Amino acid sequence: MQGDWEYINKISHIFESKGGVVYFAELEAGLDERLERNKSPHRLMHKPTKRNVEWSEQELIKSMEKHRLNSYDGEITKENYIKINNTKISPEEVARIIKESFEL
């Protein structure tokens, strides 16, 4: 949605106008994995809105039907951008990939 792009550009400008560098890491996972993660103890502990698992699952499915939650391949041409399908990758591995990709 255009409003999403405007928000990203606005936030990026705040940092870039002060000499900062913005890095974009887009994460994607399949629906089955997202539904499974939605029930994880860690997520339930830290996200109270997810504790009603049935409602949360239906909300996720409706969101995916109504909105496109990830970019198309090649759609984002920003500098310092990476897209990672983390369906089968641990958070630690995702962090390593990001760190190495941006040479941080």
N, C-alpha and C. Protein backbone atom coordinates (compact mmCIF):
# COMPACT_ATOMS: atom_id res chain seq x y z
N MET A 1 0.84 -1.18 0.00
CA MET A 1 0.00 0.00 0.00
C MET A 1 0.89 1.24 0.00
N GLN A 2 0.43 2.27 -0.66
CA GLN A 2 1.21 3.50 -0.76
C GLN A 2 1.54 4.06 0.62
N GLY A 3 0.61 3.98 1.54
CA GLY A 3 0.86 4.49 2.89
C GLY A 3 2.02 3.79 3.58
N ASP A 4 2.20 2.49 3.30
CA ASP A 4 3.33 1.75 3.87
C ASP A 4 4.65 2.30 3.33
N TRP A 5 4.71 2.53 2.01
CA TRP A 5 5.93 3.07 1.41
C TRP A 5 6.23 4.46 1.97
N GLU A 6 5.21 5.27 2.11
CA GLU A 6 5.40 6.62 2.65
C GLU A 6 5.94 6.57 4.08
N TYR A 7 5.41 5.66 4.89
CA TYR A 7 5.89 5.51 6.26
C TYR A 7 7.36 5.08 6.29
N ILE A 8 7.71 4.10 5.49
CA ILE A 8 9.10 3.62 5.44
C ILE A 8 10.03 4.75 5.02
N ASN A 9 9.63 5.50 4.00
CA ASN A 9 10.47 6.61 3.54
C ASN A 9 10.59 7.70 4.59
N LYS A 10 9.51 7.99 5.30
CA LYS A 10 9.53 9.00 6.35
C LYS A 10 10.48 8.61 7.48
N ILE A 11 10.37 7.37 7.94
CA ILE A 11 11.23 6.89 9.02
C ILE A 11 12.69 6.83 8.55
N SER A 12 12.92 6.36 7.34
CA SER A 12 14.28 6.30 6.80
C SER A 12 14.90 7.68 6.76
N HIS A 13 14.12 8.67 6.32
CA HIS A 13 14.62 10.03 6.19
C HIS A 13 15.09 10.59 7.53
N ILE A 14 14.40 10.24 8.60
CA ILE A 14 14.80 10.72 9.93
C ILE A 14 16.25 10.36 10.21
N PHE A 15 16.63 9.12 9.93
CA PHE A 15 17.99 8.65 10.19
C PHE A 15 18.97 9.16 9.15
N GLU A 16 18.58 9.08 7.88
CA GLU A 16 19.48 9.49 6.80
C GLU A 16 19.79 10.98 6.85
N SER A 17 18.83 11.79 7.28
CA SER A 17 19.06 13.24 7.35
C SER A 17 20.09 13.60 8.42
N LYS A 18 20.35 12.68 9.32
CA LYS A 18 21.35 12.89 10.38
C LYS A 18 22.63 12.11 10.10
N GLY A 19 22.76 11.60 8.86
CA GLY A 19 23.97 10.88 8.46
C GLY A 19 23.92 9.39 8.72
N GLY A 20 22.79 8.90 9.17
CA GLY A 20 22.66 7.47 9.44
C GLY A 20 22.46 6.65 8.18
N VAL A 21 22.68 5.37 8.31
CA VAL A 21 22.46 4.43 7.21
C VAL A 21 21.33 3.49 7.63
N VAL A 22 20.38 3.30 6.73
CA VAL A 22 19.23 2.44 7.01
C VAL A 22 19.42 1.12 6.28
N TYR A 23 19.21 0.02 7.00
CA TYR A 23 19.29 -1.31 6.43
C TYR A 23 17.90 -1.94 6.47
N PHE A 24 17.53 -2.62 5.40
CA PHE A 24 16.22 -3.24 5.31
C PHE A 24 16.38 -4.76 5.24
N ALA A 25 15.79 -5.45 6.20
CA ALA A 25 15.78 -6.91 6.20
C ALA A 25 14.32 -7.34 6.21
N GLU A 26 13.87 -7.86 5.09
CA GLU A 26 12.49 -8.34 4.97
C GLU A 26 12.48 -9.84 5.23
N LEU A 27 11.67 -10.26 6.19
CA LEU A 27 11.56 -11.67 6.53
C LEU A 27 10.23 -12.20 6.05
N GLU A 28 10.25 -13.40 5.50
CA GLU A 28 9.01 -14.03 5.08
C GLU A 28 9.01 -15.49 5.50
N ALA A 29 7.82 -16.00 5.75
CA ALA A 29 7.66 -17.41 6.10
C ALA A 29 6.31 -17.87 5.57
N GLY A 30 6.20 -19.15 5.30
CA GLY A 30 4.95 -19.71 4.80
C GLY A 30 3.85 -19.68 5.84
N LEU A 31 2.61 -19.80 5.39
CA LEU A 31 1.45 -19.73 6.28
C LEU A 31 1.52 -20.79 7.37
N ASP A 32 1.82 -22.03 7.02
CA ASP A 32 1.86 -23.09 8.03
C ASP A 32 2.86 -22.75 9.13
N GLU A 33 4.03 -22.25 8.74
CA GLU A 33 5.06 -21.89 9.73
C GLU A 33 4.59 -20.70 10.58
N ARG A 34 3.96 -19.74 9.96
CA ARG A 34 3.48 -18.56 10.71
C ARG A 34 2.40 -18.97 11.72
N LEU A 35 1.53 -19.88 11.32
CA LEU A 35 0.50 -20.35 12.24
C LEU A 35 1.12 -21.11 13.41
N GLU A 36 2.15 -21.89 13.13
CA GLU A 36 2.83 -22.64 14.19
C GLU A 36 3.54 -21.68 15.15
N ARG A 37 4.24 -20.71 14.61
CA ARG A 37 4.95 -19.73 15.44
C ARG A 37 3.97 -18.92 16.29
N ASN A 38 2.79 -18.73 15.76
CA ASN A 38 1.76 -17.94 16.44
C ASN A 38 1.39 -18.56 17.80
N LYS A 39 1.66 -19.86 17.95
CA LYS A 39 1.32 -20.56 19.19
C LYS A 39 2.52 -20.80 20.10
N SER A 40 3.67 -20.31 19.71
CA SER A 40 4.88 -20.60 20.50
C SER A 40 4.81 -19.91 21.87
N PRO A 41 5.34 -20.55 22.89
CA PRO A 41 5.32 -19.96 24.24
C PRO A 41 5.95 -18.57 24.29
N HIS A 42 7.05 -18.38 23.56
CA HIS A 42 7.72 -17.07 23.56
C HIS A 42 6.79 -15.98 23.02
N ARG A 43 6.14 -16.25 21.90
CA ARG A 43 5.24 -15.26 21.31
C ARG A 43 4.06 -14.99 22.23
N LEU A 44 3.49 -16.04 22.79
CA LEU A 44 2.34 -15.86 23.67
C LEU A 44 2.72 -15.07 24.92
N MET A 45 3.94 -15.27 25.41
CA MET A 45 4.39 -14.54 26.60
C MET A 45 4.57 -13.05 26.30
N HIS A 46 5.09 -12.73 25.12
CA HIS A 46 5.45 -11.35 24.82
C HIS A 46 4.40 -10.58 24.02
N LYS A 47 3.42 -11.26 23.50
CA LYS A 47 2.38 -10.58 22.71
C LYS A 47 1.00 -10.97 23.23
N PRO A 48 0.48 -10.19 24.17
CA PRO A 48 -0.82 -10.53 24.77
C PRO A 48 -1.95 -10.69 23.76
N THR A 49 -1.91 -9.95 22.65
CA THR A 49 -2.98 -10.07 21.65
C THR A 49 -2.99 -11.42 20.96
N LYS A 50 -1.91 -12.17 21.06
CA LYS A 50 -1.83 -13.49 20.42
C LYS A 50 -2.35 -14.60 21.33
N ARG A 51 -2.66 -14.28 22.57
CA ARG A 51 -3.03 -15.32 23.53
C ARG A 51 -4.38 -15.97 23.23
N ASN A 52 -5.25 -15.26 22.55
CA ASN A 52 -6.47 -15.88 22.04
C ASN A 52 -6.08 -16.47 20.69
N VAL A 53 -5.55 -17.69 20.74
CA VAL A 53 -4.93 -18.31 19.57
C VAL A 53 -5.90 -18.46 18.41
N GLU A 54 -7.12 -18.89 18.68
CA GLU A 54 -8.10 -19.07 17.61
C GLU A 54 -8.36 -17.74 16.89
N TRP A 55 -8.60 -16.67 17.65
CA TRP A 55 -8.84 -15.36 17.04
C TRP A 55 -7.61 -14.90 16.27
N SER A 56 -6.43 -15.07 16.88
CA SER A 56 -5.19 -14.62 16.27
C SER A 56 -4.92 -15.34 14.94
N GLU A 57 -5.18 -16.64 14.90
CA GLU A 57 -5.00 -17.40 13.66
C GLU A 57 -5.94 -16.92 12.57
N GLN A 58 -7.18 -16.70 12.93
CA GLN A 58 -8.16 -16.22 11.94
C GLN A 58 -7.78 -14.83 11.44
N GLU A 59 -7.29 -13.99 12.34
CA GLU A 59 -6.86 -12.64 11.97
C GLU A 59 -5.67 -12.70 11.01
N LEU A 60 -4.73 -13.60 11.24
CA LEU A 60 -3.59 -13.77 10.36
C LEU A 60 -4.05 -14.21 8.97
N ILE A 61 -4.94 -15.18 8.92
CA ILE A 61 -5.44 -15.69 7.64
C ILE A 61 -6.19 -14.59 6.89
N LYS A 62 -7.04 -13.85 7.60
CA LYS A 62 -7.77 -12.75 6.96
C LYS A 62 -6.82 -11.67 6.43
N SER A 63 -5.80 -11.36 7.21
CA SER A 63 -4.82 -10.36 6.78
C SER A 63 -4.13 -10.80 5.51
N MET A 64 -3.77 -12.08 5.45
CA MET A 64 -3.07 -12.59 4.27
C MET A 64 -3.98 -12.61 3.05
N GLU A 65 -5.28 -12.79 3.25
CA GLU A 65 -6.23 -12.77 2.13
C GLU A 65 -6.47 -11.34 1.64
N LYS A 66 -6.45 -10.39 2.57
CA LYS A 66 -6.78 -9.00 2.25
C LYS A 66 -5.56 -8.19 1.79
N HIS A 67 -4.39 -8.48 2.35
CA HIS A 67 -3.19 -7.70 2.08
C HIS A 67 -2.06 -8.59 1.61
N ARG A 68 -1.18 -8.01 0.86
CA ARG A 68 0.07 -8.68 0.48
C ARG A 68 1.07 -8.35 1.57
N LEU A 69 1.57 -9.36 2.26
CA LEU A 69 2.42 -9.13 3.42
C LEU A 69 3.90 -9.10 3.09
N ASN A 70 4.28 -9.49 1.89
CA ASN A 70 5.68 -9.46 1.48
C ASN A 70 5.80 -8.88 0.08
N SER A 71 6.99 -8.36 -0.21
CA SER A 71 7.23 -7.78 -1.53
C SER A 71 7.39 -8.90 -2.56
N TYR A 72 7.21 -8.51 -3.82
CA TYR A 72 7.52 -9.42 -4.92
C TYR A 72 9.03 -9.41 -5.12
N ASP A 73 9.57 -10.51 -5.62
CA ASP A 73 11.00 -10.56 -5.91
C ASP A 73 11.34 -9.45 -6.90
N GLY A 74 12.37 -8.68 -6.57
CA GLY A 74 12.82 -7.59 -7.43
C GLY A 74 12.05 -6.29 -7.27
N GLU A 75 11.00 -6.29 -6.49
CA GLU A 75 10.17 -5.10 -6.33
C GLU A 75 10.89 -4.00 -5.56
N ILE A 76 11.64 -4.36 -4.54
CA ILE A 76 12.32 -3.37 -3.73
C ILE A 76 13.75 -3.22 -4.24
N THR A 77 14.09 -2.00 -4.59
CA THR A 77 15.40 -1.74 -5.16
C THR A 77 16.24 -0.83 -4.27
N LYS A 78 15.85 -0.70 -3.02
CA LYS A 78 16.59 0.14 -2.09
C LYS A 78 17.97 -0.43 -1.85
N GLU A 79 18.90 0.49 -1.57
CA GLU A 79 20.22 0.07 -1.16
C GLU A 79 20.11 -0.59 0.20
N ASN A 80 21.03 -1.46 0.52
CA ASN A 80 21.06 -2.10 1.84
C ASN A 80 19.77 -2.86 2.14
N TYR A 81 19.36 -3.68 1.21
CA TYR A 81 18.12 -4.46 1.35
C TYR A 81 18.41 -5.93 1.15
N ILE A 82 17.78 -6.75 1.98
CA ILE A 82 17.85 -8.20 1.81
C ILE A 82 16.48 -8.79 2.16
N LYS A 83 16.12 -9.84 1.44
CA LYS A 83 14.88 -10.56 1.71
C LYS A 83 15.27 -11.99 2.06
N ILE A 84 14.74 -12.46 3.19
CA ILE A 84 15.10 -13.80 3.68
C ILE A 84 13.83 -14.60 3.95
N ASN A 85 13.74 -15.77 3.35
CA ASN A 85 12.67 -16.69 3.72
C ASN A 85 13.19 -17.46 4.92
N ASN A 86 12.60 -17.18 6.08
CA ASN A 86 13.08 -17.78 7.33
C ASN A 86 12.19 -18.91 7.82
N THR A 87 11.48 -19.54 6.90
CA THR A 87 10.59 -20.64 7.26
C THR A 87 11.34 -21.75 8.00
N LYS A 88 12.51 -22.09 7.52
CA LYS A 88 13.27 -23.21 8.10
C LYS A 88 14.61 -22.76 8.69
N ILE A 89 14.69 -21.49 9.09
CA ILE A 89 15.95 -20.95 9.59
C ILE A 89 15.73 -20.42 11.01
N SER A 90 16.66 -20.70 11.89
CA SER A 90 16.56 -20.22 13.27
C SER A 90 16.78 -18.71 13.32
N PRO A 91 16.29 -18.06 14.36
CA PRO A 91 16.55 -16.62 14.51
C PRO A 91 18.04 -16.30 14.53
N GLU A 92 18.84 -17.15 15.14
CA GLU A 92 20.28 -16.93 15.19
C GLU A 92 20.90 -16.97 13.79
N GLU A 93 20.42 -17.89 12.97
CA GLU A 93 20.93 -17.99 11.60
C GLU A 93 20.50 -16.78 10.77
N VAL A 94 19.27 -16.32 10.96
CA VAL A 94 18.79 -15.13 10.26
C VAL A 94 19.66 -13.93 10.64
N ALA A 95 19.95 -13.78 11.92
CA ALA A 95 20.80 -12.68 12.38
C ALA A 95 22.18 -12.76 11.75
N ARG A 96 22.73 -13.96 11.66
CA ARG A 96 24.05 -14.14 11.04
C ARG A 96 24.02 -13.74 9.58
N ILE A 97 22.97 -14.16 8.85
CA ILE A 97 22.83 -13.82 7.43
C ILE A 97 22.76 -12.31 7.24
N ILE A 98 21.96 -11.66 8.08
CA ILE A 98 21.84 -10.20 7.99
C ILE A 98 23.17 -9.53 8.26
N LYS A 99 23.82 -9.95 9.33
CA LYS A 99 25.10 -9.35 9.71
C LYS A 99 26.13 -9.51 8.59
N GLU A 100 26.22 -10.70 8.01
CA GLU A 100 27.20 -10.94 6.95
C GLU A 100 26.81 -10.22 5.67
N SER A 101 25.53 -10.18 5.34
CA SER A 101 25.10 -9.53 4.10
C SER A 101 25.41 -8.04 4.10
N PHE A 102 25.27 -7.41 5.25
CA PHE A 102 25.52 -5.98 5.35
C PHE A 102 26.91 -5.66 5.90
N GLU A 103 27.71 -6.71 6.09
CA GLU A 103 29.07 -6.56 6.59
C GLU A 103 29.09 -5.74 7.88
N LEU A 104 28.21 -6.12 8.80
CA LEU A 104 28.12 -5.41 10.09
C LEU A 104 28.95 -6.10 11.16
